[in-house]
């Protein structure tokens, strides 16, 4: 839930992080007091009543304020809020008097005028806050999903981090002139590296900043005083920073791929997991039908996702977002024992996989392998619309942990997750199938082959690298291959020149031209552009006085 910052009067979902990063409130006790000022969790019972004309000191000030019947409920809440604020300011002043080792970054106890009424806080909003919210709404669109909101929030957080760094010791933020400092932008990049942020994350920071600058350049706010030249300069500077970061990003991606390759799961282990999970699912369902224990339910979730992930390598979000209606639709639309389930709520565009028949249970509709249907009471669809749900009608977000428990219970080595399974299946698909078959598998896994080559461990093993080395060594065996016949450049040109006496046909010239001769002739003849005229002898075109940019006359050929 968003909270209002008492220092900058803006709303933030992570107020503690905002105070630490933006306002540099490094003193832990000071930060706790400011957070309590916003949350209202302040012990104010043993205080003196601040109602004019009362001044009663009591141990239960909260009950005493309720005795002031002349005040409305809203006025009583305002009095309570003022009491809490006064106590927090006194605590900040006492902390400042102790001269703490970590210096205080705020001055709320000194400049009390900075503390305003909550009503005025809501009425007054900074122009930068309105710009950020407009940018957020632009990216979210009309019907944003939960994943899209999360991604947009990450973008907005990075942009706020940049604006907060650039706005230090600056005024008149509405004009946006404080971001016109290329040197400080480079220092911001250095600060991100000093914070031990990975290169790929820094790359995301710069890309989001470039998108934000493009948005400002195309639709600047009314208070913006940045000229077009300044906006072009800023955009060019950020893109140059992105370009200079590519090498380190590629190096980091290669290191991540190498780490994934170390977690690559063998084919025998995947097959063993598939067979073991297939045998264990019916027994788990039988126990679940009798007891209905949550432990058996989690075990079923883990074994089922393990069985499906060893075949198709889908992400955990595919199983997490699977709906009961989608399973029912698949079971009604097929007449065989193989059913196609389209998961529409996934982050990708309609991923699908081959599943198994659906089974009706009192707790919902289960996806089971080779288990016939049996009659049961209908489930409450308004609650259990998610296939993998928790004890409450909520989405199960611990499928990865349940998958890990099932993996350990089957006696398999390692501790993989859904990403490791996906990476291993993509690697085995590349090493086993043809490019056409691999392309089909990649599409079924909701990505293309380029995505698999970029994000997953698809490197060659030692044996495949040795086979490639044999090919390189075979290229150097045997004698050198020399051209059939060497001719001078003048002879070759004379064969192609339009006015030459040795005009030959293309079939006679082509076999005698080597590759190097062909390139040389192309470069030579590309500079000689014949004019569209019927004259045989060259002549110069009549001069034309067209100004300073007039070109030199060209030679005219037949």
Protein backbone atom coordinates (compact mmCIF):
# COMPACT_ATOMS: atom_id res chain seq x y z
CA UNK A 1 0.00 0.00 0.00
CA UNK A 2 1.37 3.40 -0.94
CA UNK A 3 2.30 5.84 1.83
CA UNK A 4 2.98 9.57 1.76
CA UNK A 5 6.55 10.66 2.42
CA UNK A 6 6.65 13.38 5.15
CA UNK A 7 9.70 14.96 3.46
CA UNK A 8 8.79 15.25 -0.22
CA UNK A 9 4.99 14.75 0.13
CA UNK A 10 4.88 12.04 -2.56
CA UNK A 11 3.29 8.60 -2.47
CA UNK A 12 5.59 5.55 -2.42
CA UNK A 13 4.93 1.85 -2.02
CA UNK A 14 8.30 1.28 -0.32
CA UNK A 15 8.67 4.29 1.91
CA UNK A 16 11.61 2.92 3.92
CA UNK A 17 13.64 2.30 0.79
CA UNK A 18 12.68 5.73 -0.52
CA UNK A 19 13.93 7.41 2.68
CA UNK A 20 17.18 5.48 2.59
CA UNK A 21 17.98 5.91 -1.11
CA UNK A 22 16.49 9.29 -2.02
CA UNK A 23 16.67 11.32 1.20
CA UNK A 24 19.79 9.55 2.56
CA UNK A 25 18.19 8.83 5.94
CA UNK A 26 20.84 6.35 7.09
CA UNK A 27 20.19 6.66 10.82
CA UNK A 28 17.99 3.69 11.68
CA UNK A 29 16.26 5.32 14.65
CA UNK A 30 15.56 8.48 12.68
CA UNK A 31 14.07 6.44 9.84
CA UNK A 32 11.85 4.50 12.26
CA UNK A 33 10.51 7.73 13.74
CA UNK A 34 9.68 9.14 10.30
CA UNK A 35 7.97 5.89 9.31
CA UNK A 36 5.93 5.93 12.53
CA UNK A 37 4.93 9.51 11.75
CA UNK A 38 3.35 8.33 8.50
CA UNK A 39 1.90 5.03 9.73
CA UNK A 40 0.47 6.56 12.93
CA UNK A 41 1.89 3.85 15.20
CA UNK A 42 2.96 6.20 17.97
CA UNK A 43 2.46 5.68 21.71
CA UNK A 44 0.76 8.91 22.85
CA UNK A 45 -1.29 7.84 25.90
CA UNK A 46 0.73 9.54 28.63
CA UNK A 47 0.50 13.05 27.24
CA UNK A 48 -1.05 16.42 27.92
CA UNK A 49 -4.22 17.28 26.05
CA UNK A 50 -3.59 19.92 23.40
CA UNK A 51 -7.21 20.98 23.09
CA UNK A 52 -7.33 24.74 23.81
CA UNK A 53 -8.44 25.41 27.39
CA UNK A 54 -8.02 21.81 28.58
CA UNK A 55 -4.34 21.00 29.24
CA UNK A 56 -5.15 17.85 31.22
CA UNK A 57 -2.33 15.33 31.72
CA UNK A 58 -3.56 11.74 31.77
CA UNK A 59 -2.29 8.22 31.20
CA UNK A 60 -5.05 7.51 28.64
CA UNK A 61 -5.11 10.49 26.36
CA UNK A 62 -6.96 8.53 23.69
CA UNK A 63 -9.97 8.07 26.00
CA UNK A 64 -9.75 11.63 27.27
CA UNK A 65 -10.04 13.07 23.76
CA UNK A 66 -13.26 11.12 23.26
CA UNK A 67 -14.76 12.98 26.21
CA UNK A 68 -14.55 16.25 24.29
CA UNK A 69 -18.06 15.98 22.91
CA UNK A 70 -17.87 19.52 21.57
CA UNK A 71 -15.48 18.21 18.91
CA UNK A 72 -16.66 16.23 15.95
CA UNK A 73 -15.20 12.85 15.07
CA UNK A 74 -13.00 14.40 12.41
CA UNK A 75 -11.73 17.06 14.83
CA UNK A 76 -10.92 14.39 17.41
CA UNK A 77 -8.90 12.48 14.82
CA UNK A 78 -7.02 15.69 13.99
CA UNK A 79 -6.17 16.18 17.67
CA UNK A 80 -4.87 12.62 17.93
CA UNK A 81 -2.78 13.12 14.81
CA UNK A 82 -1.31 16.36 16.17
CA UNK A 83 -0.41 14.64 19.44
CA UNK A 84 1.40 11.88 17.59
CA UNK A 85 3.23 14.37 15.41
CA UNK A 86 4.30 16.42 18.41
CA UNK A 87 5.72 13.36 20.16
CA UNK A 88 7.65 12.27 17.06
CA UNK A 89 9.15 15.75 16.72
CA UNK A 90 10.18 15.66 20.38
CA UNK A 91 11.82 12.27 19.84
CA UNK A 92 13.70 13.60 16.81
CA UNK A 93 14.89 16.61 18.82
CA UNK A 94 16.07 14.33 21.63
CA UNK A 95 17.91 12.17 19.12
CA UNK A 96 19.61 15.21 17.62
CA UNK A 97 20.70 16.35 21.09
CA UNK A 98 22.62 13.09 21.58
CA UNK A 99 24.84 13.81 18.53
CA UNK A 100 24.46 10.32 17.01
CA UNK A 101 27.37 8.64 15.24
CA UNK A 102 25.31 8.41 12.06
CA UNK A 103 24.30 12.02 11.35
CA UNK A 104 20.67 12.91 10.89
CA UNK A 105 19.54 13.84 7.40
CA UNK A 106 16.24 15.56 8.22
CA UNK A 107 15.33 18.74 10.06
CA UNK A 108 11.67 18.20 10.89
CA UNK A 109 12.26 18.99 14.55
CA UNK A 110 13.94 22.29 13.63
CA UNK A 111 11.72 23.57 10.85
CA UNK A 112 8.28 22.69 12.11
CA UNK A 113 6.68 24.67 9.33
CA UNK A 114 7.51 21.89 6.92
CA UNK A 115 4.88 19.74 8.62
CA UNK A 116 1.61 20.58 6.91
CA UNK A 117 -1.93 19.42 7.25
CA UNK A 118 -2.82 16.17 5.56
CA UNK A 119 -5.56 17.87 3.56
CA UNK A 120 -3.08 20.26 1.98
CA UNK A 121 -0.78 17.31 1.19
CA UNK A 122 -3.45 15.72 -0.95
CA UNK A 123 -4.29 18.96 -2.70
CA UNK A 124 -0.70 19.77 -3.65
CA UNK A 125 1.17 17.42 -5.97
CA UNK A 126 4.49 17.98 -7.60
CA UNK A 127 4.67 18.28 -11.36
CA UNK A 128 7.22 15.45 -11.50
CA UNK A 129 4.81 13.17 -9.63
CA UNK A 130 2.05 13.94 -12.12
CA UNK A 131 4.47 13.30 -15.00
CA UNK A 132 5.47 9.93 -13.55
CA UNK A 133 1.86 8.91 -13.01
CA UNK A 134 0.99 9.92 -16.56
CA UNK A 135 3.92 7.86 -17.81
CA UNK A 136 2.73 4.90 -15.71
CA UNK A 137 -0.80 5.07 -17.08
CA UNK A 138 0.55 5.33 -20.61
CA UNK A 139 2.45 2.05 -20.28
CA UNK A 140 -0.24 0.19 -18.34
CA UNK A 141 -2.96 0.86 -20.88
CA UNK A 142 -6.67 0.35 -20.40
CA UNK A 143 -6.69 -3.23 -19.04
CA UNK A 144 -3.32 -4.00 -17.44
CA UNK A 145 -2.58 -7.46 -16.13
CA UNK A 146 -0.83 -8.15 -12.84
CA UNK A 147 2.41 -8.96 -14.63
CA UNK A 148 2.23 -5.76 -16.68
CA UNK A 149 1.62 -3.68 -13.55
CA UNK A 150 4.65 -5.28 -11.93
CA UNK A 151 6.85 -4.53 -14.94
CA UNK A 152 5.64 -0.93 -15.19
CA UNK A 153 6.24 -0.44 -11.47
CA UNK A 154 9.83 -1.59 -11.97
CA UNK A 155 10.27 0.91 -14.80
CA UNK A 156 8.80 3.74 -12.74
CA UNK A 157 11.01 2.87 -9.77
CA UNK A 158 14.15 3.10 -11.94
CA UNK A 159 13.05 6.43 -13.39
CA UNK A 160 12.31 7.79 -9.90
CA UNK A 161 15.76 6.67 -8.80
CA UNK A 162 17.30 8.64 -11.66
CA UNK A 163 15.19 11.74 -11.03
CA UNK A 164 15.92 11.63 -7.31
CA UNK A 165 19.66 11.48 -7.97
CA UNK A 166 19.57 14.31 -10.51
CA UNK A 167 17.34 16.52 -8.30
CA UNK A 168 19.73 16.61 -5.34
CA UNK A 169 20.31 20.21 -4.20
CA UNK A 170 18.13 21.46 -7.06
CA UNK A 171 15.09 23.71 -7.22
CA UNK A 172 12.39 24.44 -9.79
CA UNK A 173 11.94 20.78 -10.64
CA UNK A 174 8.91 21.48 -12.82
CA UNK A 175 11.12 22.92 -15.58
CA UNK A 176 13.10 19.62 -15.82
CA UNK A 177 16.28 21.63 -16.30
CA UNK A 178 17.95 19.65 -13.52
CA UNK A 179 18.32 16.59 -15.79
CA UNK A 180 20.33 18.57 -18.36
CA UNK A 181 23.66 17.48 -16.92
CA UNK A 182 25.47 14.81 -18.93
CA UNK A 183 28.34 14.67 -16.46
CA UNK A 184 25.97 13.84 -13.61
CA UNK A 185 24.28 11.19 -15.75
CA UNK A 186 27.65 9.46 -16.13
CA UNK A 187 28.22 9.73 -12.39
CA UNK A 188 24.79 8.13 -11.87
CA UNK A 189 25.98 5.16 -13.92
CA UNK A 190 29.10 4.97 -11.76
CA UNK A 191 26.95 5.03 -8.63
CA UNK A 192 24.89 2.10 -9.91
CA UNK A 193 28.06 0.10 -10.41
CA UNK A 194 29.31 1.00 -6.96
CA UNK A 195 26.05 -0.35 -5.54
CA UNK A 196 27.07 -3.78 -6.96
CA UNK A 197 24.17 -3.92 -9.38
CA UNK A 198 24.66 -6.42 -12.18
CA UNK A 199 25.38 -5.20 -15.69
CA UNK A 200 22.09 -6.50 -17.07
CA UNK A 201 20.14 -4.59 -14.40
CA UNK A 202 22.11 -1.43 -15.16
CA UNK A 203 21.27 -2.02 -18.82
CA UNK A 204 17.58 -2.08 -17.87
CA UNK A 205 18.03 1.17 -15.94
CA UNK A 206 19.50 2.89 -18.99
CA UNK A 207 16.92 1.47 -21.40
CA UNK A 208 14.05 2.64 -19.20
CA UNK A 209 15.68 6.05 -18.92
CA UNK A 210 16.02 6.25 -22.71
CA UNK A 211 12.32 5.38 -23.09
CA UNK A 212 11.39 8.06 -20.57
CA UNK A 213 13.46 10.68 -22.39
CA UNK A 214 11.80 9.70 -25.66
CA UNK A 215 8.42 10.14 -24.00
CA UNK A 216 9.37 13.61 -22.72
CA UNK A 217 10.80 14.59 -26.09
CA UNK A 218 7.64 13.60 -27.95
CA UNK A 219 5.11 14.89 -25.41
CA UNK A 220 6.84 17.40 -23.10
CA UNK A 221 4.83 18.73 -20.14
CA UNK A 222 3.66 22.32 -20.15
CA UNK A 223 6.25 23.38 -17.56
CA UNK A 224 9.21 21.81 -19.38
CA UNK A 225 11.92 24.32 -20.34
CA UNK A 226 14.26 21.91 -22.10
CA UNK A 227 14.92 22.80 -25.72
CA UNK A 228 14.93 20.28 -28.55
CA UNK A 229 18.71 20.44 -28.80
CA UNK A 230 19.07 19.67 -25.10
CA UNK A 231 16.66 16.74 -25.36
CA UNK A 232 18.55 15.36 -28.36
CA UNK A 233 21.81 15.72 -26.42
CA UNK A 234 20.42 13.83 -23.44
CA UNK A 235 18.98 11.04 -25.56
CA UNK A 236 22.22 10.69 -27.49
CA UNK A 237 24.23 10.57 -24.26
CA UNK A 238 22.06 7.82 -22.77
CA UNK A 239 22.24 5.76 -25.95
CA UNK A 240 26.01 6.06 -26.00
CA UNK A 241 26.07 4.77 -22.42
CA UNK A 242 23.91 1.83 -23.50
CA UNK A 243 26.23 1.15 -26.41
CA UNK A 244 29.29 1.20 -24.16
CA UNK A 245 27.62 -1.27 -21.81
CA UNK A 246 26.91 -3.96 -24.41
CA UNK A 247 30.25 -5.71 -24.07
CA UNK A 248 29.88 -6.14 -20.31
CA UNK A 249 26.27 -7.27 -20.73
CA UNK A 250 27.33 -9.97 -23.18
CA UNK A 251 30.08 -11.07 -20.81
CA UNK A 252 27.60 -11.29 -17.95
CA UNK A 253 25.13 -13.27 -20.07
CA UNK A 254 27.90 -15.68 -21.02
CA UNK A 255 28.75 -16.18 -17.35
CA UNK A 256 25.08 -16.84 -16.57
CA UNK A 257 24.89 -19.36 -19.41
CA UNK A 258 27.96 -21.10 -18.06
CA UNK A 259 26.35 -21.32 -14.63
CA UNK A 260 23.20 -22.74 -16.21
CA UNK A 261 25.27 -25.28 -18.09
CA UNK A 262 26.62 -26.55 -14.77
CA UNK A 263 23.00 -27.21 -13.70
CA UNK A 264 22.10 -29.02 -16.91
CA UNK A 265 19.98 -32.11 -16.20
CA UNK A 266 20.79 -35.28 -18.09
CA UNK A 267 18.29 -37.14 -20.24
CA UNK A 268 18.30 -40.18 -17.99
CA UNK A 269 17.43 -38.05 -14.96
CA UNK A 270 14.56 -36.38 -16.81
CA UNK A 271 13.19 -39.73 -17.96
CA UNK A 272 13.47 -41.16 -14.44
CA UNK A 273 11.58 -38.17 -13.06
CA UNK A 274 8.85 -38.58 -15.65
CA UNK A 275 8.37 -42.29 -15.00
CA UNK A 276 8.49 -41.96 -11.20
CA UNK A 277 6.03 -39.07 -11.13
CA UNK A 278 3.69 -40.93 -13.47
CA UNK A 279 3.57 -43.88 -11.06
CA UNK A 280 3.24 -41.76 -7.92
CA UNK A 281 0.37 -39.49 -9.02
CA UNK A 282 -2.44 -42.11 -8.78
CA UNK A 283 -1.42 -43.11 -5.23
CA UNK A 284 -1.22 -39.48 -4.13
CA UNK A 285 -4.68 -38.81 -5.57
CA UNK A 286 -6.10 -41.82 -3.75
CA UNK A 287 -4.74 -40.56 -0.43
CA UNK A 288 -5.93 -37.06 -1.20
CA UNK A 289 -9.44 -38.33 -1.91
CA UNK A 290 -9.62 -40.09 1.44
CA UNK A 291 -7.96 -37.58 3.75
CA UNK A 292 -7.97 -34.23 1.93
CA UNK A 293 -4.76 -33.31 3.71
CA UNK A 294 -2.86 -30.25 2.50
CA UNK A 295 0.38 -32.23 2.57
CA UNK A 296 -1.00 -34.64 -0.03
CA UNK A 297 -2.33 -31.71 -2.03
CA UNK A 298 1.12 -30.09 -2.15
CA UNK A 299 2.70 -33.43 -3.04
CA UNK A 300 0.25 -33.78 -5.92
CA UNK A 301 1.07 -30.29 -7.15
CA UNK A 302 4.79 -31.03 -7.04
CA UNK A 303 4.60 -34.40 -8.83
CA UNK A 304 2.20 -33.15 -11.49
CA UNK A 305 4.27 -30.07 -12.34
CA UNK A 306 7.42 -32.22 -12.32
CA UNK A 307 5.84 -34.65 -14.79
CA UNK A 308 4.68 -31.91 -17.15
CA UNK A 309 7.86 -29.83 -16.92
CA UNK A 310 10.05 -32.81 -17.83
CA UNK A 311 8.13 -33.10 -21.10
CA UNK A 312 7.48 -29.53 -22.21
CA UNK A 313 9.74 -27.33 -20.09
CA UNK A 314 7.09 -24.68 -19.43
CA UNK A 315 7.53 -21.88 -16.95
CA UNK A 316 5.96 -22.03 -13.54
CA UNK A 317 3.57 -19.26 -14.54
CA UNK A 318 1.87 -21.59 -17.03
CA UNK A 319 0.81 -23.95 -14.24
CA UNK A 320 0.16 -21.14 -11.78
CA UNK A 321 -2.28 -19.31 -14.08
CA UNK A 322 -4.13 -22.38 -15.35
CA UNK A 323 -7.90 -22.07 -14.89
CA UNK A 324 -10.53 -24.71 -14.29
CA UNK A 325 -12.52 -23.45 -17.28
CA UNK A 326 -9.54 -24.00 -19.56
CA UNK A 327 -9.17 -27.60 -18.40
CA UNK A 328 -12.90 -28.21 -18.81
CA UNK A 329 -12.84 -26.68 -22.28
CA UNK A 330 -10.00 -28.97 -23.29
CA UNK A 331 -11.78 -32.06 -21.99
CA UNK A 332 -15.01 -31.20 -23.83
CA UNK A 333 -13.35 -30.37 -27.14
CA UNK A 334 -11.43 -33.61 -27.57
CA UNK A 335 -12.53 -37.18 -28.18
CA UNK A 336 -9.18 -38.90 -27.58
CA UNK A 337 -6.97 -39.40 -24.56
CA UNK A 338 -4.82 -36.36 -25.46
CA UNK A 339 -6.10 -32.90 -24.67
CA UNK A 340 -4.82 -29.45 -25.60
CA UNK A 341 -5.02 -26.79 -22.89
CA UNK A 342 -4.54 -23.12 -23.79
CA UNK A 343 -3.42 -20.99 -20.85
CA UNK A 344 -4.46 -17.45 -21.72
CA UNK A 345 -3.29 -15.73 -18.53
CA UNK A 346 0.39 -16.49 -19.04
CA UNK A 347 2.95 -13.74 -19.67
CA UNK A 348 3.54 -15.07 -23.17
CA UNK A 349 1.03 -15.14 -26.00
CA UNK A 350 -1.30 -18.09 -25.49
CA UNK A 351 1.11 -20.86 -24.49
CA UNK A 352 -0.27 -24.36 -24.67
CA UNK A 353 0.80 -27.90 -23.91
CA UNK A 354 -0.53 -31.42 -24.21
CA UNK A 355 -2.12 -32.39 -20.94
CA UNK A 356 -4.17 -35.26 -19.57
CA UNK A 357 -7.84 -35.94 -18.83
CA UNK A 358 -9.54 -33.80 -16.21
CA UNK A 359 -10.96 -35.32 -13.03
CA UNK A 360 -13.75 -33.82 -10.92
CA UNK A 361 -13.26 -33.70 -7.16
CA UNK A 362 -14.99 -31.99 -4.28
CA UNK A 363 -12.09 -29.54 -4.02
CA UNK A 364 -12.07 -28.64 -7.68
CA UNK A 365 -11.09 -30.05 -11.05
CA UNK A 366 -7.73 -31.85 -11.15
CA UNK A 367 -5.47 -32.48 -14.10
CA UNK A 368 -4.50 -36.14 -13.83
CA UNK A 369 -2.78 -38.66 -16.06
CA UNK A 370 -4.87 -41.73 -17.00
CA UNK A 371 -7.38 -41.43 -14.17
CA UNK A 372 -11.05 -41.84 -15.17
CA UNK A 373 -13.76 -39.44 -14.11
CA UNK A 374 -15.92 -40.15 -11.10
CA UNK A 375 -19.07 -38.47 -9.89
CA UNK A 376 -18.74 -35.86 -7.17
CA UNK A 377 -20.35 -32.69 -5.99
CA UNK A 378 -19.80 -29.66 -8.20
CA UNK A 379 -17.19 -27.16 -7.05
CA UNK A 380 -17.85 -23.52 -6.31
CA UNK A 381 -16.57 -21.83 -9.45
CA UNK A 382 -16.65 -18.31 -8.04
CA UNK A 383 -14.00 -19.40 -5.52
CA UNK A 384 -11.98 -22.27 -6.97
CA UNK A 385 -11.52 -20.97 -10.50
CA UNK A 386 -7.75 -21.57 -10.31
CA UNK A 387 -6.61 -25.14 -10.94
CA UNK A 388 -3.68 -24.97 -8.50
CA UNK A 389 -5.09 -23.18 -5.46
CA UNK A 390 -4.11 -22.93 -1.79
CA UNK A 391 -6.16 -23.63 1.34
CA UNK A 392 -7.85 -20.33 0.57
CA UNK A 393 -9.21 -19.51 -2.90
CA UNK A 394 -5.94 -17.88 -3.95
CA UNK A 395 -3.30 -18.56 -6.58
CA UNK A 396 -0.63 -21.03 -5.48
CA UNK A 397 2.70 -19.20 -5.74
CA UNK A 398 4.83 -21.95 -4.14
CA UNK A 399 4.79 -24.42 -7.02
CA UNK A 400 8.56 -24.19 -7.31
CA UNK A 401 8.97 -25.30 -3.69
CA UNK A 402 6.46 -28.14 -4.13
CA UNK A 403 8.30 -29.22 -7.28
CA UNK A 404 11.58 -29.27 -5.35
CA UNK A 405 10.04 -31.40 -2.56
CA UNK A 406 8.69 -33.85 -5.13
CA UNK A 407 12.09 -33.98 -6.81
CA UNK A 408 13.77 -34.88 -3.51
CA UNK A 409 11.10 -37.46 -2.63
CA UNK A 410 11.74 -39.24 -5.94
CA UNK A 411 15.40 -39.70 -4.98
CA UNK A 412 16.85 -37.57 -7.77
CA UNK A 413 20.10 -35.65 -7.55
CA UNK A 414 20.43 -31.89 -7.58
CA UNK A 415 18.04 -29.09 -6.73
CA UNK A 416 16.62 -27.79 -10.03
CA UNK A 417 13.80 -25.36 -10.64
CA UNK A 418 11.51 -24.75 -13.60
CA UNK A 419 14.13 -22.59 -15.32
CA UNK A 420 16.73 -25.37 -15.08
CA UNK A 421 14.25 -27.84 -16.56
CA UNK A 422 13.44 -25.43 -19.37
CA UNK A 423 17.12 -24.83 -20.09
CA UNK A 424 17.93 -28.55 -20.12
CA UNK A 425 15.09 -29.40 -22.48
CA UNK A 426 16.10 -26.59 -24.85
CA UNK A 427 19.70 -27.86 -24.80
CA UNK A 428 18.71 -31.46 -25.53
CA UNK A 429 16.39 -30.29 -28.31
CA UNK A 430 19.24 -28.44 -30.02
CA UNK A 431 21.64 -31.36 -29.73
CA UNK A 432 19.15 -33.99 -30.89
CA UNK A 433 16.66 -32.61 -33.42
CA UNK A 434 16.97 -30.94 -36.79
CA UNK A 435 16.56 -27.14 -37.05
CA UNK A 436 12.98 -27.56 -38.29
CA UNK A 437 11.99 -29.82 -35.40
CA UNK A 438 13.80 -27.60 -32.92
CA UNK A 439 11.88 -24.59 -34.23
CA UNK A 440 8.59 -26.40 -33.59
CA UNK A 441 9.66 -27.30 -30.06
CA UNK A 442 10.71 -23.72 -29.35
CA UNK A 443 7.36 -22.38 -30.53
CA UNK A 444 5.59 -24.90 -28.30
CA UNK A 445 7.73 -23.71 -25.38
CA UNK A 446 6.53 -20.14 -26.10
CA UNK A 447 9.78 -18.73 -27.45
CA UNK A 448 11.86 -18.88 -30.61
CA UNK A 449 15.27 -20.40 -31.17
CA UNK A 450 16.95 -17.00 -30.82
CA UNK A 451 15.52 -16.66 -27.31
CA UNK A 452 16.75 -20.13 -26.41
CA UNK A 453 20.23 -19.35 -27.73
CA UNK A 454 20.33 -16.11 -25.75
CA UNK A 455 18.97 -17.10 -22.35
CA UNK A 456 19.49 -20.85 -22.00
CA UNK A 457 22.53 -23.09 -21.80
CA UNK A 458 22.82 -24.34 -25.38
CA UNK A 459 26.61 -24.47 -25.62
CA UNK A 460 28.48 -27.38 -27.16
CA UNK A 461 29.84 -30.10 -24.95
CA UNK A 462 33.41 -31.41 -25.13
CA UNK A 463 32.61 -34.14 -27.66
CA UNK A 464 30.78 -31.77 -30.01
CA UNK A 465 33.59 -29.23 -29.74
CA UNK A 466 36.08 -31.97 -30.67
CA UNK A 467 34.00 -32.80 -33.77
CA UNK A 468 34.08 -29.15 -34.81
CA UNK A 469 37.84 -29.09 -34.34
CA UNK A 470 38.18 -32.02 -36.73
CA UNK A 471 36.32 -29.97 -39.33
CA UNK A 472 38.71 -27.04 -38.82
CA UNK A 473 41.74 -29.30 -39.17
CA UNK A 474 40.33 -30.91 -42.31
CA UNK A 475 40.14 -27.49 -43.95
CA UNK A 476 43.97 -27.25 -43.85
CA UNK A 477 44.68 -30.67 -45.34
CA UNK A 478 45.76 -31.18 -48.96
CA UNK A 479 47.43 -28.84 -51.46
CA UNK A 480 46.44 -25.24 -51.99
CA UNK A 481 43.78 -24.69 -54.65
CA UNK A 482 45.00 -22.15 -57.25
CA UNK A 483 42.88 -20.39 -59.91
CA UNK A 484 42.65 -21.97 -63.38
CA UNK A 485 44.10 -19.11 -65.37
CA UNK A 486 45.57 -15.73 -64.43
CA UNK A 487 44.86 -12.78 -66.64
CA UNK A 488 45.74 -9.17 -66.27
CA UNK A 489 43.18 -6.64 -65.19
CA UNK A 490 43.45 -4.81 -68.51
CA UNK A 491 42.51 -7.95 -70.47
CA UNK A 492 39.50 -8.57 -68.29
CA UNK A 493 38.38 -4.95 -68.58
CA UNK A 494 38.76 -5.03 -72.35
CA UNK A 495 36.41 -8.00 -72.49
CA UNK A 496 33.68 -6.10 -70.66
CA UNK A 497 34.21 -2.57 -72.09
CA UNK A 498 31.39 -1.70 -74.48
CA UNK A 499 33.72 -0.15 -77.10
CA UNK A 500 36.34 -2.90 -77.06
CA UNK A 501 37.15 -4.95 -80.16
CA UNK A 502 37.50 -8.10 -78.05
CA UNK A 503 33.84 -8.22 -77.20
CA UNK A 504 33.02 -11.69 -75.98
CA UNK A 505 29.92 -13.41 -74.73
CA UNK A 506 29.15 -13.76 -71.04
CA UNK A 507 29.39 -17.52 -71.23
CA UNK A 508 32.95 -17.27 -72.46
CA UNK A 509 34.13 -14.73 -69.90
CA UNK A 510 32.47 -15.99 -66.76
CA UNK A 511 34.36 -19.29 -66.28
CA UNK A 512 37.70 -17.49 -66.56
CA UNK A 513 37.00 -14.91 -63.87
CA UNK A 514 38.21 -15.71 -60.40
CA UNK A 515 36.59 -14.40 -57.25
CA UNK A 516 39.29 -11.77 -56.67
CA UNK A 517 39.02 -10.59 -60.28
CA UNK A 518 35.27 -10.30 -59.96
CA UNK A 519 35.56 -8.11 -56.87
CA UNK A 520 38.22 -5.93 -58.54
CA UNK A 521 36.11 -5.47 -61.67
CA UNK A 522 33.06 -4.62 -59.59
CA UNK A 523 34.96 -1.90 -57.74
CA UNK A 524 36.46 -0.61 -61.00
CA UNK A 525 33.26 -0.53 -63.01
CA UNK A 526 31.08 0.80 -60.18
CA UNK A 527 32.90 4.13 -60.46
CA UNK A 528 32.24 4.42 -64.21
CA UNK A 529 28.56 5.13 -64.71
CA UNK A 530 27.59 5.15 -68.40
CA UNK A 531 25.28 7.97 -69.43
CA UNK A 532 21.99 7.31 -71.11
CA UNK A 533 22.84 8.57 -74.59
CA UNK A 534 23.50 7.16 -78.03
CA UNK A 535 26.80 8.96 -78.70
CA UNK A 536 29.86 6.76 -79.24
CA UNK A 537 32.60 9.26 -78.55
CA UNK A 538 32.84 10.73 -75.06
CA UNK A 539 32.06 14.36 -74.61
CA UNK A 540 31.37 16.64 -71.70
CA UNK A 541 27.87 17.71 -70.83
CA UNK A 542 27.15 21.42 -71.19
CA UNK A 543 27.89 23.37 -68.01
CA UNK A 544 24.94 24.42 -65.95
CA UNK A 545 25.14 27.23 -63.44
CA UNK A 546 22.99 26.08 -60.61
CA UNK A 547 24.87 27.49 -57.64
CA UNK A 548 27.52 26.40 -55.19
CA UNK A 549 26.36 22.76 -55.02
CA UNK A 550 26.72 22.21 -58.75
CA UNK A 551 28.38 18.87 -59.55
CA UNK A 552 31.21 18.40 -61.99
CA UNK A 553 30.25 17.36 -65.55
CA UNK A 554 30.29 13.63 -66.20
CA UNK A 555 31.57 11.74 -69.23
CA UNK A 556 28.93 10.48 -71.61
CA UNK A 557 29.28 7.02 -73.08
CA UNK A 558 27.41 5.05 -75.64
